[in-house]
N, C-alpha and C. Protein backbone atom coordinates (compact mmCIF):
# COMPACT_ATOMS: atom_id res chain seq x y z
N MET A 1 0.63 -1.17 -0.05
CA MET A 1 0.23 0.01 0.03
C MET A 1 0.81 1.30 -0.01
N LYS A 2 0.57 2.16 -0.70
CA LYS A 2 1.28 3.24 -1.08
C LYS A 2 1.21 4.18 0.43
N ILE A 3 2.10 4.83 0.90
CA ILE A 3 2.11 5.72 2.09
C ILE A 3 1.07 6.89 1.79
N GLY A 4 0.97 7.51 0.99
CA GLY A 4 -0.10 8.41 0.67
C GLY A 4 -1.62 7.97 0.99
N TRP A 5 -1.86 6.74 0.74
CA TRP A 5 -3.39 6.34 0.80
C TRP A 5 -3.70 6.27 2.52
N ILE A 6 -2.82 6.43 3.41
CA ILE A 6 -3.29 6.52 4.64
C ILE A 6 -3.43 7.67 4.93
N PRO A 7 -4.87 8.18 5.28
CA PRO A 7 -5.31 9.41 5.94
C PRO A 7 -4.40 9.67 7.19
N GLU A 8 -4.20 11.18 7.26
CA GLU A 8 -3.42 11.63 8.41
C GLU A 8 -4.01 11.41 9.77
N ALA A 9 -5.38 11.48 9.70
CA ALA A 9 -6.25 11.21 10.99
C ALA A 9 -6.04 9.73 11.64
N VAL A 10 -5.83 8.84 10.35
CA VAL A 10 -5.80 7.47 10.75
C VAL A 10 -4.12 7.09 11.34
N LYS A 11 -3.24 7.90 10.50
CA LYS A 11 -1.50 7.83 11.09
C LYS A 11 -1.67 8.12 12.48
N GLU A 12 -2.49 9.26 12.80
CA GLU A 12 -2.38 9.67 14.24
C GLU A 12 -2.82 8.70 15.22
N ILE A 13 -4.03 8.06 14.80
CA ILE A 13 -4.62 7.07 15.83
C ILE A 13 -3.76 5.90 15.92
N LEU A 14 -3.24 5.34 14.85
CA LEU A 14 -2.25 4.38 14.92
C LEU A 14 -1.14 4.38 15.77
N ASP A 15 -0.58 5.77 15.63
CA ASP A 15 0.72 6.17 16.53
C ASP A 15 0.24 6.43 17.71
N GLU A 16 -0.77 6.97 18.04
CA GLU A 16 -1.24 7.25 19.60
C GLU A 16 -1.54 5.71 20.29
N THR A 17 -2.19 4.92 19.55
CA THR A 17 -2.39 3.28 20.11
C THR A 17 -1.20 2.69 20.46
N ALA A 18 -0.04 2.92 19.46
CA ALA A 18 1.27 2.19 19.77
C ALA A 18 2.00 3.00 21.19
N LYS A 19 1.60 4.02 21.35
CA LYS A 19 2.46 4.70 22.54
C LYS A 19 1.79 4.23 23.77
N LYS A 20 0.42 3.88 23.58
CA LYS A 20 0.15 3.34 24.87
C LYS A 20 0.48 1.92 25.14
N LEU A 21 1.16 1.19 24.25
CA LEU A 21 1.62 -0.21 24.65
C LEU A 21 3.07 -0.17 24.85
N SER A 22 3.39 -1.21 25.29
CA SER A 22 4.93 -1.45 25.67
C SER A 22 5.55 -2.88 25.62
N GLY A 23 6.62 -3.00 25.54
CA GLY A 23 7.34 -4.39 25.35
C GLY A 23 6.81 -5.09 24.17
N ALA A 24 6.63 -6.49 24.20
CA ALA A 24 6.32 -7.31 23.30
C ALA A 24 4.94 -7.05 22.69
N LYS A 25 3.75 -6.32 23.39
CA LYS A 25 2.64 -6.20 22.70
C LYS A 25 2.86 -4.80 21.80
N ARG A 26 3.63 -4.00 22.00
CA ARG A 26 3.78 -2.88 21.19
C ARG A 26 4.44 -3.51 19.89
N ARG A 27 5.46 -4.30 20.02
CA ARG A 27 6.35 -4.67 18.97
C ARG A 27 5.48 -5.61 18.01
N GLU A 28 4.56 -6.47 18.55
CA GLU A 28 3.76 -7.04 17.80
C GLU A 28 2.71 -6.36 17.14
N TYR A 29 2.22 -4.94 17.80
CA TYR A 29 1.38 -4.26 17.21
C TYR A 29 1.77 -3.39 16.01
N ILE A 30 3.04 -2.75 16.05
CA ILE A 30 3.48 -1.95 15.20
C ILE A 30 3.96 -2.91 14.03
N ALA A 31 4.29 -4.34 14.11
CA ALA A 31 4.67 -5.13 13.41
C ALA A 31 3.52 -5.53 12.33
N MET A 32 2.45 -5.66 12.98
CA MET A 32 1.23 -5.93 12.34
C MET A 32 0.69 -4.83 11.38
N ILE A 33 0.81 -3.66 11.91
CA ILE A 33 0.34 -2.21 11.12
C ILE A 33 1.30 -2.25 9.86
N THR A 34 2.90 -2.57 10.15
CA THR A 34 3.88 -2.44 9.03
C THR A 34 3.48 -3.38 8.11
N ILE A 35 3.21 -4.76 8.41
CA ILE A 35 2.83 -5.88 7.43
C ILE A 35 1.58 -5.57 6.52
N LYS A 36 0.52 -5.13 7.09
CA LYS A 36 -0.67 -5.00 6.71
C LYS A 36 -0.91 -3.75 5.80
N LEU A 37 -0.13 -2.71 6.08
CA LEU A 37 -0.21 -1.29 5.71
C LEU A 37 0.79 -0.77 4.80
N LEU A 38 2.00 -1.40 5.19
CA LEU A 38 3.19 -0.64 4.75
C LEU A 38 3.94 -1.98 3.93
N ASP A 39 3.32 -3.01 3.52
CA ASP A 39 4.09 -4.06 2.75
C ASP A 39 5.26 -4.66 3.59
N GLY A 40 5.33 -4.55 4.86
CA GLY A 40 6.49 -5.03 5.77
C GLY A 40 7.45 -4.27 5.70
N ASN A 41 7.49 -3.11 5.34
CA ASN A 41 8.74 -2.36 4.92
C ASN A 41 8.86 -1.41 6.19
N ALA A 42 9.99 -1.63 7.03
CA ALA A 42 10.35 -1.08 8.34
C ALA A 42 10.90 0.21 8.15
N ARG A 43 11.30 0.61 7.12
CA ARG A 43 11.75 2.01 6.79
C ARG A 43 10.61 2.91 6.54
N LYS A 44 9.59 2.31 5.75
CA LYS A 44 8.47 3.01 5.70
C LYS A 44 7.76 3.45 6.98
N ALA A 45 7.78 2.29 8.08
CA ALA A 45 7.07 2.56 9.20
C ALA A 45 8.23 3.78 10.10
N GLU A 46 9.24 3.65 9.90
CA GLU A 46 10.08 4.81 10.46
C GLU A 46 9.72 6.17 9.74
N ARG A 47 9.56 6.12 8.60
CA ARG A 47 9.14 7.34 7.97
C ARG A 47 7.88 7.80 8.33
N VAL A 48 6.62 7.02 8.52
CA VAL A 48 5.65 7.43 8.58
C VAL A 48 5.20 7.75 9.86
N PHE A 49 5.62 6.70 10.90
CA PHE A 49 5.31 6.84 12.16
C PHE A 49 6.32 7.25 13.17
N GLY A 50 7.46 7.05 12.80
CA GLY A 50 8.80 7.56 13.52
C GLY A 50 9.13 6.30 14.40
N TRP A 51 8.71 5.16 14.19
CA TRP A 51 8.94 3.92 14.78
C TRP A 51 10.26 3.64 14.46
N SER A 52 11.07 2.96 15.25
CA SER A 52 12.52 2.49 15.13
C SER A 52 12.41 1.21 14.22
N ARG A 53 13.16 1.34 13.21
CA ARG A 53 13.32 0.16 12.21
C ARG A 53 13.64 -1.17 12.89
N THR A 54 14.53 -0.94 13.93
CA THR A 54 15.09 -2.21 14.70
C THR A 54 13.79 -2.80 15.31
N THR A 55 13.11 -2.03 16.12
CA THR A 55 12.03 -2.45 16.89
C THR A 55 11.05 -3.21 15.94
N VAL A 56 10.57 -2.28 14.67
CA VAL A 56 9.59 -3.04 13.99
C VAL A 56 10.38 -4.47 13.12
N LYS A 57 11.52 -4.46 12.93
CA LYS A 57 12.02 -5.81 12.51
C LYS A 57 11.97 -6.72 13.59
N LYS A 58 12.22 -6.50 14.78
CA LYS A 58 12.27 -7.44 15.71
C LYS A 58 10.83 -7.88 15.91
N GLY A 59 9.79 -7.11 16.05
CA GLY A 59 8.36 -7.62 15.94
C GLY A 59 8.09 -8.54 14.88
N MET A 60 8.33 -7.93 13.77
CA MET A 60 7.96 -8.76 12.85
C MET A 60 8.72 -10.22 12.74
N ARG A 61 9.95 -10.51 13.47
CA ARG A 61 10.53 -11.60 13.46
C ARG A 61 9.92 -12.56 14.68
N GLU A 62 9.54 -11.71 15.68
CA GLU A 62 8.56 -12.46 16.75
C GLU A 62 7.32 -12.95 16.07
N LEU A 63 6.45 -12.34 15.43
CA LEU A 63 5.52 -12.73 14.48
C LEU A 63 5.51 -14.17 13.86
N ALA A 64 6.58 -13.84 13.22
CA ALA A 64 7.03 -15.08 11.99
C ALA A 64 7.42 -16.08 13.16
N MET A 65 8.09 -16.25 14.14
CA MET A 65 8.51 -17.21 14.75
C MET A 65 7.59 -17.69 15.84
N GLU A 66 6.48 -16.89 15.91
CA GLU A 66 5.62 -17.05 17.09
C GLU A 66 6.32 -17.21 18.66
N ILE A 67 7.10 -16.39 18.60
CA ILE A 67 7.63 -16.11 20.18
C ILE A 67 7.70 -14.67 20.64
N LYS A 68 7.93 -14.66 21.86
CA LYS A 68 7.81 -13.12 22.34
C LYS A 68 9.11 -12.91 23.18
N CYS A 69 10.02 -12.11 23.21
CA CYS A 69 11.06 -11.64 23.68
C CYS A 69 10.80 -10.83 24.95
N ILE A 70 11.26 -11.45 26.16
CA ILE A 70 11.22 -10.77 27.63
C ILE A 70 12.02 -9.70 27.67
N ASP A 71 11.58 -8.45 28.00
CA ASP A 71 12.52 -7.24 28.00
C ASP A 71 12.79 -7.45 29.50
N ASN A 72 14.23 -6.98 29.83
CA ASN A 72 14.99 -6.94 31.01
C ASN A 72 14.94 -5.38 31.46
N TYR A 73 13.71 -4.69 31.65
CA TYR A 73 13.72 -3.36 32.12
C TYR A 73 14.66 -3.01 33.22
N SER A 74 14.81 -3.89 34.03
CA SER A 74 15.43 -3.33 35.32
C SER A 74 17.17 -3.28 35.24
N ALA A 75 17.52 -3.37 33.82
CA ALA A 75 18.83 -3.45 33.29
C ALA A 75 19.01 -2.27 32.72
N ARG A 76 18.00 -1.57 32.40
CA ARG A 76 18.02 -0.25 31.54
C ARG A 76 18.13 0.98 32.49
N GLY A 77 18.69 2.01 31.93
CA GLY A 77 18.74 3.27 32.80
C GLY A 77 20.04 3.39 33.66
N ASN A 78 20.30 4.52 34.38
CA ASN A 78 21.50 4.87 35.07
C ASN A 78 21.39 3.98 36.32
N LYS A 79 22.51 3.31 36.73
CA LYS A 79 22.46 2.56 37.79
C LYS A 79 22.65 3.51 39.15
N LYS A 80 22.54 3.13 40.22
CA LYS A 80 22.80 3.62 41.59
C LYS A 80 24.33 3.66 41.62
N THR A 81 24.79 4.68 42.44
CA THR A 81 26.25 4.81 42.62
C THR A 81 26.81 3.81 43.36
N GLU A 82 26.02 3.19 44.30
CA GLU A 82 26.35 2.18 45.07
C GLU A 82 26.76 0.69 44.16
N GLU A 83 26.18 0.93 42.84
CA GLU A 83 26.33 -0.41 41.94
C GLU A 83 27.71 -0.23 41.21
N LYS A 84 27.61 1.38 40.93
CA LYS A 84 28.96 1.77 40.01
C LYS A 84 30.29 1.34 40.92
N ILE A 85 30.08 1.87 42.07
CA ILE A 85 31.01 1.83 42.83
C ILE A 85 30.83 0.65 44.07
N PRO A 86 31.06 -0.75 43.75
CA PRO A 86 30.46 -1.68 44.83
C PRO A 86 30.94 -1.43 46.32
N LYS A 87 32.25 -0.96 46.54
CA LYS A 87 32.83 -0.87 47.85
C LYS A 87 32.50 0.18 48.62
N LEU A 88 31.84 1.15 47.87
CA LEU A 88 31.30 2.78 48.36
C LEU A 88 30.53 2.47 49.63
N ALA A 89 29.30 1.71 49.50
CA ALA A 89 28.47 1.32 50.57
C ALA A 89 29.07 0.94 51.82
N GLU A 90 30.04 -0.05 51.73
CA GLU A 90 30.82 -0.57 52.82
C GLU A 90 31.66 0.49 53.48
N ASP A 91 32.33 1.30 52.70
CA ASP A 91 33.17 2.27 53.07
C ASP A 91 32.36 3.43 53.84
N ILE A 92 31.36 3.52 53.46
CA ILE A 92 30.48 4.81 54.30
C ILE A 92 30.12 4.01 55.40
N ARG A 93 29.63 2.87 55.71
CA ARG A 93 29.21 2.49 56.83
C ARG A 93 30.36 2.36 57.98
N LEU A 94 31.64 1.88 57.28
CA LEU A 94 32.96 2.09 58.24
C LEU A 94 33.12 3.38 58.85
N ILE A 95 32.63 4.34 57.89
CA ILE A 95 32.73 5.80 58.62
C ILE A 95 31.63 6.10 59.56
N VAL A 96 30.55 5.93 59.09
CA VAL A 96 29.30 6.38 59.80
C VAL A 96 29.10 5.59 61.23
N GLU A 97 29.15 4.34 60.96
CA GLU A 97 28.60 3.36 62.04
C GLU A 97 29.38 3.80 63.49
N PRO A 98 30.47 3.93 63.51
CA PRO A 98 31.18 4.22 64.90
C PRO A 98 30.64 5.61 65.44
N LYS A 99 29.95 6.42 64.43
CA LYS A 99 29.45 7.80 65.09
C LYS A 99 28.03 7.90 64.93
N SER A 100 27.33 6.80 64.93
CA SER A 100 25.82 6.76 65.02
C SER A 100 25.20 5.92 66.25
N GLN A 101 23.85 6.02 66.33
CA GLN A 101 23.31 5.30 67.55
C GLN A 101 21.91 4.93 67.25
N ALA A 102 21.54 4.08 67.51
CA ALA A 102 20.19 3.41 67.26
C ALA A 102 19.04 4.18 67.97
N ASP A 103 17.90 4.13 67.38
CA ASP A 103 16.66 4.59 67.90
C ASP A 103 16.77 4.22 69.35
N SER A 104 16.22 4.93 70.44
CA SER A 104 16.32 4.53 71.99
C SER A 104 15.14 3.84 72.10
N HIS A 105 14.02 4.11 71.38
CA HIS A 105 12.65 3.57 71.68
C HIS A 105 12.61 2.25 70.56
N PHE A 106 13.51 1.98 69.71
CA PHE A 106 13.48 0.84 68.85
C PHE A 106 12.18 0.65 68.19
N GLN A 107 11.52 2.03 67.71
CA GLN A 107 10.44 2.01 66.85
C GLN A 107 10.66 2.23 65.43
N THR A 108 12.13 1.95 65.17
CA THR A 108 12.27 2.28 63.72
C THR A 108 13.83 1.50 63.22
N THR A 109 13.85 0.84 62.14
CA THR A 109 14.94 0.33 61.83
C THR A 109 16.10 1.37 61.52
N PHE A 110 16.07 2.53 61.28
CA PHE A 110 16.90 3.61 60.93
C PHE A 110 17.87 3.98 61.97
N ALA A 111 19.16 3.94 61.50
CA ALA A 111 20.31 4.90 62.68
C ALA A 111 20.20 6.19 62.16
N TYR A 112 20.80 6.94 63.24
CA TYR A 112 21.00 8.34 63.23
C TYR A 112 22.30 8.67 63.28
N THR A 113 22.89 9.31 62.23
CA THR A 113 23.98 9.69 62.04
C THR A 113 24.37 11.20 62.53
N ARG A 114 25.28 11.54 63.38
CA ARG A 114 25.73 12.76 63.74
C ARG A 114 26.66 13.51 62.81
N ILE A 115 26.86 12.97 61.44
CA ILE A 115 27.84 13.81 60.73
C ILE A 115 26.90 13.86 59.29
N THR A 116 27.33 14.93 58.66
CA THR A 116 26.69 15.55 57.28
C THR A 116 27.27 14.72 56.33
N ALA A 117 26.42 14.81 55.22
CA ALA A 117 26.94 13.87 53.91
C ALA A 117 28.36 14.61 53.41
N LYS A 118 28.21 16.14 53.60
CA LYS A 118 29.63 16.83 53.41
C LYS A 118 30.89 16.08 54.04
N THR A 119 30.51 15.77 55.51
CA THR A 119 31.53 15.35 56.22
C THR A 119 31.75 13.92 55.84
N VAL A 120 31.12 13.06 55.42
CA VAL A 120 31.25 11.77 54.92
C VAL A 120 31.99 11.76 53.83
N ARG A 121 31.54 12.84 52.71
CA ARG A 121 32.23 12.73 51.51
C ARG A 121 33.81 13.00 51.77
N GLN A 122 34.14 13.75 52.59
CA GLN A 122 35.54 14.34 52.79
C GLN A 122 36.15 13.19 53.52
N ALA A 123 35.52 12.45 54.38
CA ALA A 123 36.43 11.50 55.12
C ALA A 123 36.38 10.10 54.20
N LEU A 124 35.77 10.01 53.02
CA LEU A 124 36.10 8.92 52.06
C LEU A 124 37.29 9.37 51.44
N ILE A 125 37.46 10.55 51.36
CA ILE A 125 38.73 11.19 50.60
C ILE A 125 40.09 11.13 51.57
N ASP A 126 39.64 11.45 52.73
CA ASP A 126 40.72 11.43 53.66
C ASP A 126 41.29 10.01 54.27
N GLU A 127 40.11 9.37 54.81
CA GLU A 127 40.60 8.01 55.33
C GLU A 127 40.38 6.89 54.41
N MET A 128 39.55 6.96 53.25
CA MET A 128 39.62 5.49 52.59
C MET A 128 40.27 5.65 51.06
N GLY A 129 41.21 6.86 50.80
CA GLY A 129 41.65 7.01 49.59
C GLY A 129 40.92 7.19 48.37
N TYR A 130 39.75 7.77 48.32
CA TYR A 130 38.90 8.19 47.21
C TYR A 130 39.56 9.42 46.70
N THR A 131 39.51 9.78 45.41
CA THR A 131 39.66 10.90 44.98
C THR A 131 38.48 11.87 44.76
N ASN A 132 38.63 13.19 44.69
CA ASN A 132 37.41 14.13 44.51
C ASN A 132 36.85 13.63 43.39
N ASP A 133 37.46 13.50 42.25
CA ASP A 133 36.76 13.07 40.86
C ASP A 133 35.90 11.86 40.66
N GLU A 134 36.33 10.79 41.62
CA GLU A 134 35.58 9.66 41.37
C GLU A 134 34.36 9.30 42.40
N LEU A 135 34.39 10.42 43.48
CA LEU A 135 33.15 10.37 44.36
C LEU A 135 31.95 11.16 43.67
N PRO A 136 30.65 10.90 43.91
CA PRO A 136 29.51 11.61 43.44
C PRO A 136 29.58 12.94 44.63
N CYS A 137 28.65 13.88 44.13
CA CYS A 137 28.32 15.07 44.81
C CYS A 137 28.01 14.84 46.17
N GLU A 138 27.91 15.89 46.97
CA GLU A 138 27.23 15.76 48.45
C GLU A 138 26.01 15.24 48.61
N ASN A 139 25.06 15.86 47.36
CA ASN A 139 23.73 15.70 47.58
C ASN A 139 23.68 13.94 47.38
N THR A 140 24.25 13.48 46.42
CA THR A 140 24.13 12.19 46.20
C THR A 140 24.53 11.07 47.40
N ILE A 141 25.81 11.55 48.08
CA ILE A 141 26.13 10.92 49.26
C ILE A 141 25.05 11.07 50.13
N GLY A 142 24.31 11.97 50.40
CA GLY A 142 23.25 12.17 51.24
C GLY A 142 22.07 11.23 50.79
N TYR A 143 21.80 11.07 49.62
CA TYR A 143 20.79 9.95 49.21
C TYR A 143 21.29 8.48 49.58
N ILE A 144 22.63 8.30 49.28
CA ILE A 144 23.13 7.06 49.70
C ILE A 144 23.02 6.53 51.19
N LEU A 145 23.11 7.77 52.02
CA LEU A 145 22.95 7.59 53.48
C LEU A 145 21.62 7.21 53.67
N ASN A 146 20.73 7.75 53.08
CA ASN A 146 19.37 7.51 53.28
C ASN A 146 19.01 6.20 52.93
N ARG A 147 19.39 5.75 51.62
CA ARG A 147 19.31 4.43 51.18
C ARG A 147 19.80 3.39 52.38
N LEU A 148 20.83 3.70 52.91
CA LEU A 148 21.44 2.64 53.94
C LEU A 148 20.95 2.78 55.32
N ASP A 149 19.70 3.68 55.19
CA ASP A 149 18.92 3.69 56.58
C ASP A 149 19.64 4.54 57.76
N TYR A 150 20.58 5.63 57.45
CA TYR A 150 21.17 6.53 58.39
C TYR A 150 20.31 7.76 58.19
N ARG A 151 19.94 8.55 59.47
CA ARG A 151 19.15 9.66 59.43
C ARG A 151 19.73 10.64 60.55
N LEU A 152 19.34 12.11 60.15
CA LEU A 152 19.89 12.77 61.41
C LEU A 152 18.70 12.66 62.64
N LYS A 153 19.37 13.01 63.54
CA LYS A 153 18.24 12.95 64.84
C LYS A 153 18.73 14.13 65.74
N ARG A 154 17.66 14.49 66.26
CA ARG A 154 17.74 15.66 67.16
C ARG A 154 18.37 15.20 68.39
N ILE A 155 19.01 16.24 69.21
CA ILE A 155 19.59 15.93 70.34
C ILE A 155 18.75 15.47 71.42
N GLN A 156 19.06 14.35 72.07
CA GLN A 156 18.08 13.98 73.24
C GLN A 156 18.45 14.25 74.61
N LYS A 157 17.31 14.72 75.03
CA LYS A 157 17.50 14.88 76.61
C LYS A 157 17.88 13.41 77.48
N THR A 158 18.73 13.75 78.41
CA THR A 158 18.90 12.62 79.21
C THR A 158 17.86 12.37 80.10
N LYS A 159 17.48 11.02 80.15
CA LYS A 159 16.20 10.85 81.12
C LYS A 159 16.57 10.38 82.56
N PRO A 160 16.11 11.11 83.76
CA PRO A 160 16.67 10.63 84.96
C PRO A 160 16.20 9.27 85.25
N LEU A 161 17.07 8.89 86.13
CA LEU A 161 16.83 7.32 86.46
C LEU A 161 15.68 7.36 87.50
N LYS A 162 14.86 6.54 87.31
CA LYS A 162 13.54 6.37 88.16
C LYS A 162 13.97 5.82 89.70
N LYS A 163 15.11 5.14 89.84
CA LYS A 163 15.67 4.85 91.17
C LYS A 163 16.90 4.70 91.26
N ILE A 164 17.72 5.06 92.12
CA ILE A 164 19.25 4.67 92.53
C ILE A 164 19.25 4.08 93.71
N PRO A 165 20.41 3.63 93.84
CA PRO A 165 20.72 2.82 95.29
C PRO A 165 20.56 3.69 96.57
N GLU A 166 20.50 5.17 96.34
CA GLU A 166 20.42 5.87 97.40
C GLU A 166 18.97 6.33 97.78
N THR A 167 17.91 6.10 96.73
CA THR A 167 16.59 6.47 96.76
C THR A 167 16.23 6.29 98.02
N ASP A 168 15.95 5.13 98.44
CA ASP A 168 15.40 4.78 99.78
C ASP A 168 15.94 5.58 101.14
N ALA A 169 17.15 5.83 100.98
CA ALA A 169 17.78 6.55 102.19
C ALA A 169 17.51 8.19 102.01
N ILE A 170 17.21 8.65 100.52
CA ILE A 170 16.92 9.82 100.38
C ILE A 170 15.64 10.47 101.05
N PHE A 171 14.56 9.46 100.64
CA PHE A 171 12.95 9.53 101.17
C PHE A 171 13.15 9.33 102.66
N GLU A 172 13.87 8.30 103.32
CA GLU A 172 13.85 8.14 104.76
C GLU A 172 14.37 9.59 105.60
N ASN A 173 15.27 10.13 104.64
CA ASN A 173 15.63 11.44 105.47
C ASN A 173 14.71 12.69 105.32
N VAL A 174 14.00 12.80 104.01
CA VAL A 174 13.19 13.70 103.79
C VAL A 174 11.98 13.38 104.72
N ASP A 175 11.63 12.35 104.97
CA ASP A 175 10.35 11.91 105.99
C ASP A 175 10.85 12.19 107.41
N ARG A 176 12.03 12.19 107.84
CA ARG A 176 12.55 12.56 108.74
C ARG A 176 12.63 14.04 109.24
N VAL A 177 12.97 14.74 108.20
CA VAL A 177 13.01 16.40 108.40
C VAL A 177 11.59 16.94 108.37
N ASN A 178 10.78 16.25 107.56
CA ASN A 178 9.39 16.52 107.65
C ASN A 178 8.70 16.46 108.87
N ARG A 179 8.81 15.20 109.60
CA ARG A 179 8.35 15.15 110.74
C ARG A 179 9.13 16.08 111.81
N GLN A 180 10.33 16.52 111.73
CA GLN A 180 10.84 17.59 112.43
C GLN A 180 9.99 18.81 112.53
N ALA A 181 9.77 19.22 111.07
CA ALA A 181 8.87 20.33 110.79
C ALA A 181 7.69 20.26 111.25
N ASP A 182 6.93 19.22 111.40
CA ASP A 182 5.49 19.16 111.88
C ASP A 182 5.44 19.60 113.51
N GLU A 183 7.06 19.18 114.31
CA GLU A 183 6.83 19.20 115.58
C GLU A 183 7.24 20.79 115.84
N ASN A 184 7.69 21.34 115.33
CA ASN A 184 8.44 22.82 115.30
C ASN A 184 7.40 23.72 114.91
N LEU A 185 6.81 24.57 115.66
CA LEU A 185 5.66 25.43 115.40
C LEU A 185 6.07 26.61 114.52
N GLU A 186 7.49 26.96 114.96
CA GLU A 186 8.16 28.21 114.22
C GLU A 186 8.43 27.70 112.92
N THR A 187 8.42 26.54 112.25
CA THR A 187 8.78 26.29 110.90
C THR A 187 7.93 26.75 110.05
N LEU A 188 8.60 27.49 109.06
CA LEU A 188 7.65 28.13 107.70
C LEU A 188 7.74 27.25 106.72
N ARG A 189 6.57 26.57 106.01
CA ARG A 189 6.67 25.73 104.76
C ARG A 189 6.57 26.70 103.68
N LEU A 190 7.34 26.37 102.59
CA LEU A 190 7.04 27.03 101.19
C LEU A 190 6.93 26.11 100.03
N SER A 191 5.75 26.33 99.42
CA SER A 191 5.33 25.34 98.34
C SER A 191 6.02 26.02 97.08
N ILE A 192 6.73 25.25 96.11
CA ILE A 192 7.41 25.93 94.80
C ILE A 192 7.05 25.23 93.72
N ASP A 193 6.42 25.47 92.67
CA ASP A 193 6.05 24.58 91.33
C ASP A 193 7.22 25.10 90.29
N THR A 194 8.00 23.98 89.97
CA THR A 194 9.17 24.32 88.98
C THR A 194 8.82 23.50 87.65
N LYS A 195 7.51 23.81 87.19
CA LYS A 195 7.17 22.86 85.89
C LYS A 195 7.63 23.73 84.72
N THR A 196 8.04 25.01 84.73
CA THR A 196 8.39 25.90 83.64
C THR A 196 9.48 25.36 82.79
N LYS A 197 9.44 24.99 81.55
CA LYS A 197 10.68 24.44 80.86
C LYS A 197 11.40 25.75 80.14
N VAL A 198 12.80 25.55 80.28
CA VAL A 198 13.63 26.68 79.88
C VAL A 198 14.52 25.96 78.89
N LYS A 199 14.86 26.66 77.60
CA LYS A 199 15.90 26.02 76.61
C LYS A 199 17.41 26.57 77.25
N ILE A 200 18.01 25.60 77.25
CA ILE A 200 19.46 25.56 77.50
C ILE A 200 20.44 25.13 76.56
N GLY A 201 21.49 25.90 76.40
CA GLY A 201 22.49 25.52 75.50
C GLY A 201 22.12 25.88 74.16
N ASP A 202 23.33 25.62 73.23
CA ASP A 202 23.24 26.05 71.69
C ASP A 202 22.41 25.06 70.98
N PHE A 203 22.14 23.87 71.33
CA PHE A 203 21.32 22.69 70.78
C PHE A 203 20.11 22.64 71.41
N SER A 204 19.57 23.33 72.11
CA SER A 204 18.33 23.16 73.06
C SER A 204 17.14 22.87 72.53
N ARG A 205 16.76 21.85 73.01
CA ARG A 205 15.52 20.87 72.46
C ARG A 205 15.27 20.66 70.92
N ASP A 206 15.07 21.88 70.09
CA ASP A 206 14.97 21.86 68.93
C ASP A 206 16.14 21.51 67.92
N GLY A 207 17.44 21.79 68.52
CA GLY A 207 18.42 21.70 67.69
C GLY A 207 18.89 20.28 67.10
N LYS A 208 19.77 20.34 66.31
CA LYS A 208 20.02 18.90 65.56
C LYS A 208 21.67 19.00 65.83
N THR A 209 22.25 17.82 66.26
CA THR A 209 23.37 17.74 66.48
C THR A 209 24.25 17.39 64.98
N ARG A 210 25.17 18.10 64.56
CA ARG A 210 26.06 17.66 63.43
C ARG A 210 27.41 17.44 63.49
N GLU A 211 27.92 17.17 64.64
CA GLU A 211 29.30 16.83 65.22
C GLU A 211 29.63 15.45 64.87
N LYS A 212 30.99 15.17 64.73
CA LYS A 212 31.65 13.75 64.56
C LYS A 212 31.16 13.09 65.79
N GLU A 213 31.33 13.76 66.92
CA GLU A 213 31.23 12.93 68.38
C GLU A 213 29.99 13.32 68.91
N PRO A 214 29.40 12.58 69.89
CA PRO A 214 28.28 12.75 70.62
C PRO A 214 28.16 13.83 71.21
N GLU A 215 26.91 14.58 71.34
CA GLU A 215 26.66 15.64 72.19
C GLU A 215 25.80 15.15 73.31
N GLY A 216 26.17 15.30 74.54
CA GLY A 216 25.08 14.73 75.56
C GLY A 216 24.03 15.79 75.55
N GLY A 217 22.92 15.03 76.17
CA GLY A 217 21.62 16.11 76.42
C GLY A 217 21.37 16.59 77.56
N LEU A 218 20.82 17.55 77.83
CA LEU A 218 20.58 18.26 78.97
C LEU A 218 19.47 17.66 79.84
């Protein structure tokens, strides 16, 4: 069939339909269109619809041999940096692990790192022998840290112990002093409420630590 015999509206419909398909189904479709309307000429299919000649020929071979090739989509596209540099993830763990801590509530599998992606990148150069050119940028290092389940964590307040060895002795002493105050009519009692919260320190409550060494909470 001559190309000029195919109306433009039909060409548009056929092409739009092909775009909605993928893999073997798409190849089968464009191969059938090429065979029935374009005399099986892959060059015509490329000229009329913009379909790749290689893809058209592959589709026609699949039709002729009654087989379908399985597409390996996972092998396409750009690979993750950890796959390009296999030892990178291990080296990052060696740098970050001694400087991280687990979630104190055990509610997540994430670890919380105290160092930045920038610091990790520099440590890879200084401690692991990487060059600046072979390492990805700082943002990519940050993404890798996320994929390795490391996160920044806010500085934690130290929780007081509920009971220490001296607890019983302390309360016995308080009880003794309280009885003495009850017996002394000249003793003046004062009640003080100390519930007000006050921020203390550069990293008070809402701050995030970015140091290599752990920062103790208040």
